[in-house]
Amino acid sequence: MSVKAYIMINVKSGTEDEVCAKVLKFSEVEEAAAIYGEFDLILKVKAKDMNHLDKLIVDKLRGIPDILLTATMLIAKEYR
């Protein structure tokens, strides 16, 4: 069963566009947006399971030097 989540990200100032371009290359990332407030970016992601989500966050996202902090919110239920 797949896992969907929103991931909020803080980046080095001025790198928002560059980081968005990088993360959009990951197949798990469905959407990316720059936002105002406590975080700089928000991603909507879909992973095949929790292990896959963990690898996305730990290996791929945190491997980008301009990403300073991530906060992940698992989607419990979607409404359309």
N, C-alpha and C. Protein backbone atom coordinates (compact mmCIF):
# COMPACT_ATOMS: atom_id res chain seq x y z
N MET A 1 0.84 -1.18 0.00
CA MET A 1 0.00 0.00 0.00
C MET A 1 0.88 1.24 0.00
N SER A 2 0.57 2.19 -0.84
CA SER A 2 1.40 3.39 -0.95
C SER A 2 1.18 4.33 0.24
N VAL A 3 2.17 5.17 0.46
CA VAL A 3 2.16 6.16 1.53
C VAL A 3 2.27 7.53 0.89
N LYS A 4 1.38 8.45 1.28
CA LYS A 4 1.46 9.82 0.79
C LYS A 4 1.76 10.73 1.96
N ALA A 5 2.49 11.81 1.68
CA ALA A 5 2.85 12.73 2.75
C ALA A 5 3.11 14.12 2.18
N TYR A 6 3.00 15.09 3.06
CA TYR A 6 3.46 16.45 2.78
C TYR A 6 4.77 16.61 3.53
N ILE A 7 5.76 17.17 2.85
CA ILE A 7 7.05 17.40 3.49
C ILE A 7 7.34 18.91 3.40
N MET A 8 7.46 19.53 4.57
CA MET A 8 7.83 20.93 4.63
C MET A 8 9.34 21.02 4.76
N ILE A 9 9.91 22.01 4.10
CA ILE A 9 11.36 22.10 4.02
C ILE A 9 11.82 23.53 4.27
N ASN A 10 12.90 23.67 5.04
CA ASN A 10 13.62 24.93 5.15
C ASN A 10 14.91 24.80 4.35
N VAL A 11 15.20 25.84 3.56
CA VAL A 11 16.39 25.83 2.71
C VAL A 11 17.24 27.07 3.00
N LYS A 12 18.48 27.04 2.51
CA LYS A 12 19.33 28.23 2.57
C LYS A 12 18.66 29.34 1.80
N SER A 13 18.69 30.53 2.35
CA SER A 13 18.04 31.68 1.74
C SER A 13 18.51 31.88 0.29
N GLY A 14 17.54 32.06 -0.60
CA GLY A 14 17.84 32.29 -2.01
C GLY A 14 17.96 31.05 -2.86
N THR A 15 17.80 29.86 -2.26
CA THR A 15 17.97 28.62 -3.03
C THR A 15 16.64 27.92 -3.31
N GLU A 16 15.52 28.60 -3.04
CA GLU A 16 14.21 27.97 -3.18
C GLU A 16 13.98 27.40 -4.59
N ASP A 17 14.22 28.20 -5.61
CA ASP A 17 13.98 27.75 -6.99
C ASP A 17 14.89 26.58 -7.36
N GLU A 18 16.14 26.67 -6.97
CA GLU A 18 17.11 25.61 -7.28
C GLU A 18 16.72 24.29 -6.59
N VAL A 19 16.33 24.37 -5.33
CA VAL A 19 15.95 23.15 -4.60
C VAL A 19 14.67 22.56 -5.19
N CYS A 20 13.69 23.41 -5.53
CA CYS A 20 12.46 22.90 -6.16
C CYS A 20 12.79 22.16 -7.45
N ALA A 21 13.66 22.71 -8.25
CA ALA A 21 14.04 22.07 -9.51
C ALA A 21 14.68 20.70 -9.25
N LYS A 22 15.51 20.62 -8.22
CA LYS A 22 16.17 19.34 -7.90
C LYS A 22 15.18 18.29 -7.41
N VAL A 23 14.30 18.67 -6.49
CA VAL A 23 13.39 17.67 -5.91
C VAL A 23 12.34 17.20 -6.90
N LEU A 24 11.98 18.05 -7.85
CA LEU A 24 11.00 17.65 -8.86
C LEU A 24 11.53 16.54 -9.78
N LYS A 25 12.83 16.32 -9.76
CA LYS A 25 13.42 15.23 -10.54
C LYS A 25 13.20 13.87 -9.89
N PHE A 26 12.85 13.86 -8.60
CA PHE A 26 12.59 12.60 -7.90
C PHE A 26 11.20 12.10 -8.26
N SER A 27 11.10 10.85 -8.64
CA SER A 27 9.81 10.30 -9.08
C SER A 27 8.75 10.32 -7.98
N GLU A 28 9.16 10.31 -6.74
CA GLU A 28 8.22 10.31 -5.63
C GLU A 28 7.51 11.65 -5.42
N VAL A 29 8.10 12.73 -5.92
CA VAL A 29 7.56 14.08 -5.70
C VAL A 29 6.47 14.36 -6.73
N GLU A 30 5.25 14.53 -6.23
CA GLU A 30 4.11 14.83 -7.10
C GLU A 30 3.94 16.32 -7.33
N GLU A 31 4.22 17.12 -6.31
CA GLU A 31 4.08 18.57 -6.38
C GLU A 31 5.13 19.23 -5.50
N ALA A 32 5.55 20.42 -5.88
CA ALA A 32 6.46 21.22 -5.06
C ALA A 32 6.03 22.67 -5.17
N ALA A 33 6.09 23.39 -4.06
CA ALA A 33 5.70 24.80 -4.06
C ALA A 33 6.53 25.58 -3.05
N ALA A 34 6.84 26.82 -3.39
CA ALA A 34 7.45 27.75 -2.44
C ALA A 34 6.32 28.35 -1.63
N ILE A 35 6.53 28.48 -0.33
CA ILE A 35 5.48 28.98 0.56
C ILE A 35 6.05 30.05 1.49
N TYR A 36 5.15 30.83 2.10
CA TYR A 36 5.52 31.81 3.11
C TYR A 36 5.19 31.24 4.48
N GLY A 37 5.94 31.63 5.47
CA GLY A 37 5.67 31.18 6.83
C GLY A 37 6.89 30.51 7.44
N GLU A 38 6.63 29.57 8.32
CA GLU A 38 7.70 28.90 9.05
C GLU A 38 8.62 28.09 8.14
N PHE A 39 8.08 27.56 7.04
CA PHE A 39 8.85 26.77 6.08
C PHE A 39 8.95 27.49 4.75
N ASP A 40 9.92 27.07 3.94
CA ASP A 40 10.16 27.70 2.64
C ASP A 40 9.50 26.96 1.48
N LEU A 41 9.45 25.62 1.57
CA LEU A 41 8.90 24.79 0.50
C LEU A 41 7.98 23.74 1.09
N ILE A 42 7.05 23.29 0.25
CA ILE A 42 6.22 22.14 0.63
C ILE A 42 6.17 21.18 -0.55
N LEU A 43 6.31 19.90 -0.26
CA LEU A 43 6.24 18.86 -1.28
C LEU A 43 5.08 17.93 -0.97
N LYS A 44 4.43 17.44 -2.01
CA LYS A 44 3.50 16.33 -1.86
C LYS A 44 4.20 15.14 -2.49
N VAL A 45 4.34 14.07 -1.72
CA VAL A 45 5.09 12.91 -2.20
C VAL A 45 4.27 11.64 -2.07
N LYS A 46 4.64 10.66 -2.88
CA LYS A 46 4.01 9.34 -2.82
C LYS A 46 5.12 8.30 -2.89
N ALA A 47 5.13 7.41 -1.90
CA ALA A 47 6.13 6.35 -1.82
C ALA A 47 5.40 5.01 -1.75
N LYS A 48 6.09 3.94 -2.15
CA LYS A 48 5.42 2.63 -2.16
C LYS A 48 5.17 2.08 -0.76
N ASP A 49 6.00 2.49 0.23
CA ASP A 49 5.82 2.06 1.62
C ASP A 49 6.66 2.97 2.51
N MET A 50 6.63 2.71 3.82
CA MET A 50 7.35 3.56 4.77
C MET A 50 8.86 3.50 4.57
N ASN A 51 9.39 2.34 4.20
CA ASN A 51 10.84 2.23 3.94
C ASN A 51 11.24 3.11 2.76
N HIS A 52 10.41 3.10 1.74
CA HIS A 52 10.66 3.92 0.56
C HIS A 52 10.61 5.41 0.93
N LEU A 53 9.63 5.80 1.75
CA LEU A 53 9.52 7.18 2.22
C LEU A 53 10.76 7.57 3.02
N ASP A 54 11.20 6.68 3.89
CA ASP A 54 12.40 6.93 4.70
C ASP A 54 13.61 7.18 3.81
N LYS A 55 13.79 6.36 2.78
CA LYS A 55 14.93 6.53 1.87
C LYS A 55 14.83 7.86 1.11
N LEU A 56 13.62 8.24 0.72
CA LEU A 56 13.44 9.53 0.05
C LEU A 56 13.90 10.66 0.96
N ILE A 57 13.46 10.64 2.20
CA ILE A 57 13.77 11.74 3.12
C ILE A 57 15.25 11.72 3.52
N VAL A 58 15.72 10.58 3.99
CA VAL A 58 17.08 10.51 4.53
C VAL A 58 18.15 10.55 3.44
N ASP A 59 17.97 9.79 2.39
CA ASP A 59 19.01 9.69 1.37
C ASP A 59 18.92 10.78 0.30
N LYS A 60 17.73 11.01 -0.22
CA LYS A 60 17.60 11.94 -1.34
C LYS A 60 17.46 13.39 -0.88
N LEU A 61 16.44 13.68 -0.06
CA LEU A 61 16.20 15.07 0.32
C LEU A 61 17.31 15.62 1.21
N ARG A 62 17.64 14.90 2.25
CA ARG A 62 18.67 15.40 3.17
C ARG A 62 20.06 15.34 2.55
N GLY A 63 20.18 14.71 1.39
CA GLY A 63 21.44 14.70 0.65
C GLY A 63 21.67 15.97 -0.15
N ILE A 64 20.65 16.81 -0.24
CA ILE A 64 20.79 18.09 -0.94
C ILE A 64 21.34 19.10 0.06
N PRO A 65 22.55 19.64 -0.18
CA PRO A 65 23.20 20.50 0.81
C PRO A 65 22.40 21.75 1.21
N ASP A 66 21.58 22.29 0.31
CA ASP A 66 20.83 23.51 0.63
C ASP A 66 19.59 23.25 1.48
N ILE A 67 19.22 21.98 1.68
CA ILE A 67 18.09 21.66 2.56
C ILE A 67 18.60 21.61 4.00
N LEU A 68 18.02 22.47 4.84
CA LEU A 68 18.46 22.59 6.23
C LEU A 68 17.61 21.79 7.20
N LEU A 69 16.30 21.62 6.88
CA LEU A 69 15.38 20.99 7.81
C LEU A 69 14.19 20.44 7.05
N THR A 70 13.70 19.28 7.47
CA THR A 70 12.47 18.73 6.89
C THR A 70 11.50 18.38 8.01
N ALA A 71 10.21 18.49 7.72
CA ALA A 71 9.15 18.05 8.63
C ALA A 71 8.13 17.31 7.78
N THR A 72 7.83 16.09 8.15
CA THR A 72 6.96 15.24 7.34
C THR A 72 5.62 15.02 8.02
N MET A 73 4.55 15.22 7.25
CA MET A 73 3.19 14.99 7.73
C MET A 73 2.57 13.90 6.86
N LEU A 74 2.30 12.73 7.44
CA LEU A 74 1.68 11.64 6.68
C LEU A 74 0.22 11.98 6.41
N ILE A 75 -0.23 11.68 5.22
CA ILE A 75 -1.63 11.90 4.87
C ILE A 75 -2.45 10.72 5.37
N ALA A 76 -3.39 10.98 6.24
CA ALA A 76 -4.23 9.94 6.81
C ALA A 76 -5.41 9.61 5.89
N LYS A 77 -5.99 10.66 5.28
CA LYS A 77 -7.16 10.49 4.44
C LYS A 77 -7.25 11.68 3.51
N GLU A 78 -7.53 11.41 2.24
CA GLU A 78 -7.65 12.50 1.26
C GLU A 78 -9.12 12.69 0.90
N TYR A 79 -9.47 13.94 0.67
CA TYR A 79 -10.82 14.30 0.23
C TYR A 79 -10.70 15.04 -1.09
N ARG A 80 -11.62 14.79 -1.98
CA ARG A 80 -11.59 15.47 -3.28
C ARG A 80 -12.90 16.16 -3.55
